[in-house]
């Protein structure tokens, strides 16, 4: 699963509800942020820690945005691949359990972090 920050996306209630993020993207393509399933190298973790320090975060304390930090840690934009069906936890959309449904500023925090990282790194 992946997401991308809003850019030239149509005005739809879903995008407004999710803070301008397109989620659950599938297929073979570049995205801005990956989540749910990752393949990465030690160099990505090193760069992720460096980026976290630059934006004033400690990686152990990040509760919202570790996927965005990891997504920005490569030499280019992350890519997603269609691996077939993905099973999600039954509570992944449940208010009071899922952070994205419970935390008031969840998508605003993600957007702020994404924009900080984009300013730090020039992406293709």
Protein backbone atom coordinates (compact mmCIF):
# COMPACT_ATOMS: atom_id res chain seq x y z
CA UNK A 1 0.00 0.00 0.00
CA UNK A 2 1.21 3.49 -0.61
CA UNK A 3 0.16 7.06 -0.52
CA UNK A 4 1.14 10.29 -2.10
CA UNK A 5 0.77 13.84 -1.06
CA UNK A 6 -1.87 15.71 -2.95
CA UNK A 7 -0.73 17.13 -6.25
CA UNK A 8 -3.17 17.70 -9.08
CA UNK A 9 -5.66 15.27 -7.58
CA UNK A 10 -9.35 15.88 -8.18
CA UNK A 11 -11.46 17.53 -5.50
CA UNK A 12 -13.21 14.57 -3.95
CA UNK A 13 -14.62 14.13 -0.45
CA UNK A 14 -12.20 11.24 0.23
CA UNK A 15 -9.13 13.43 -0.40
CA UNK A 16 -10.50 16.18 1.85
CA UNK A 17 -11.31 13.66 4.58
CA UNK A 18 -7.80 12.21 4.43
CA UNK A 19 -6.08 15.58 4.53
CA UNK A 20 -5.33 15.56 0.81
CA UNK A 21 -3.61 12.15 0.81
CA UNK A 22 -4.40 9.52 -1.81
CA UNK A 23 -4.15 6.18 -0.04
CA UNK A 24 -4.15 2.49 -0.97
CA UNK A 25 -2.45 3.07 -4.30
CA UNK A 26 -1.56 -0.14 -6.10
CA UNK A 27 0.35 -1.16 -9.20
CA UNK A 28 3.87 -0.57 -10.49
CA UNK A 29 4.70 3.10 -9.97
CA UNK A 30 6.60 5.77 -8.10
CA UNK A 31 4.91 7.25 -5.04
CA UNK A 32 5.78 9.78 -2.37
CA UNK A 33 5.31 7.51 0.64
CA UNK A 34 5.18 3.77 1.18
CA UNK A 35 3.43 2.09 4.08
CA UNK A 36 2.35 -1.36 5.28
CA UNK A 37 5.14 -3.38 3.63
CA UNK A 38 8.75 -2.26 3.12
CA UNK A 39 11.92 -3.50 1.49
CA UNK A 40 14.93 -1.45 2.50
CA UNK A 41 18.68 -1.57 3.14
CA UNK A 42 20.80 -0.53 6.12
CA UNK A 43 21.75 2.61 4.16
CA UNK A 44 18.07 3.60 4.18
CA UNK A 45 17.99 3.37 7.97
CA UNK A 46 21.13 5.46 8.29
CA UNK A 47 19.65 8.13 6.00
CA UNK A 48 16.32 7.94 7.82
CA UNK A 49 18.05 8.70 11.13
CA UNK A 50 19.96 11.58 9.55
CA UNK A 51 16.75 13.06 8.12
CA UNK A 52 14.96 12.65 11.45
CA UNK A 53 17.70 14.61 13.21
CA UNK A 54 17.51 17.36 10.57
CA UNK A 55 13.77 17.82 11.16
CA UNK A 56 14.13 17.59 14.94
CA UNK A 57 12.80 14.07 15.53
CA UNK A 58 14.19 11.08 17.36
CA UNK A 59 13.33 7.93 15.40
CA UNK A 60 12.46 5.94 18.54
CA UNK A 61 9.88 8.55 19.49
CA UNK A 62 8.15 8.91 16.10
CA UNK A 63 4.55 7.78 16.38
CA UNK A 64 3.28 9.26 13.12
CA UNK A 65 5.50 9.47 10.08
CA UNK A 66 8.12 6.73 10.34
CA UNK A 67 6.93 5.53 6.94
CA UNK A 68 7.42 9.02 5.51
CA UNK A 69 10.96 9.20 6.92
CA UNK A 70 11.78 5.77 5.48
CA UNK A 71 10.22 6.73 2.14
CA UNK A 72 12.49 9.79 1.93
CA UNK A 73 15.62 7.79 2.75
CA UNK A 74 16.33 6.45 -0.73
CA UNK A 75 18.22 8.00 -3.61
CA UNK A 76 14.96 8.62 -5.49
CA UNK A 77 11.22 8.39 -4.97
CA UNK A 78 10.04 5.06 -3.57
CA UNK A 79 8.40 2.56 -5.89
CA UNK A 80 5.50 0.25 -5.22
CA UNK A 81 4.95 -3.14 -6.75
CA UNK A 82 1.75 -5.12 -7.08
CA UNK A 83 2.24 -8.17 -4.89
CA UNK A 84 -1.39 -9.18 -4.92
CA UNK A 85 -3.87 -9.05 -2.09
CA UNK A 86 -2.85 -7.45 1.18
CA UNK A 87 -4.60 -8.55 4.35
CA UNK A 88 -5.15 -5.80 6.90
CA UNK A 89 -5.75 -6.08 10.59
CA UNK A 90 -9.50 -6.00 11.28
CA UNK A 91 -9.00 -2.99 13.55
CA UNK A 92 -6.92 -0.99 11.03
CA UNK A 93 -9.87 1.29 10.28
CA UNK A 94 -11.54 1.26 13.70
CA UNK A 95 -11.89 4.61 15.47
CA UNK A 96 -10.32 4.45 18.91
CA UNK A 97 -7.82 1.83 17.73
CA UNK A 98 -6.37 3.03 14.44
CA UNK A 99 -4.20 6.11 15.00
CA UNK A 100 -5.21 7.68 11.68
CA UNK A 101 -8.87 7.52 12.74
CA UNK A 102 -8.28 8.63 16.33
CA UNK A 103 -5.56 11.31 16.33
CA UNK A 104 -7.09 14.68 15.40
CA UNK A 105 -4.15 16.10 13.43
CA UNK A 106 -2.89 12.83 11.95
CA UNK A 107 -2.84 13.89 8.29
CA UNK A 108 -1.77 17.48 9.05
CA UNK A 109 1.27 16.11 10.93
CA UNK A 110 2.09 13.80 8.04
CA UNK A 111 1.80 16.60 5.51
CA UNK A 112 4.04 18.90 7.58
CA UNK A 113 6.71 16.18 7.86
CA UNK A 114 6.45 15.35 4.16
CA UNK A 115 6.92 19.01 3.19
CA UNK A 116 9.92 19.41 5.52
CA UNK A 117 11.57 16.34 4.03
CA UNK A 118 10.80 17.41 0.48
CA UNK A 119 12.48 20.74 1.19
CA UNK A 120 15.55 18.87 2.46
CA UNK A 121 15.84 16.46 -0.44
CA UNK A 122 15.47 17.10 -4.10
CA UNK A 123 13.35 14.28 -5.54
CA UNK A 124 12.78 13.12 -9.09
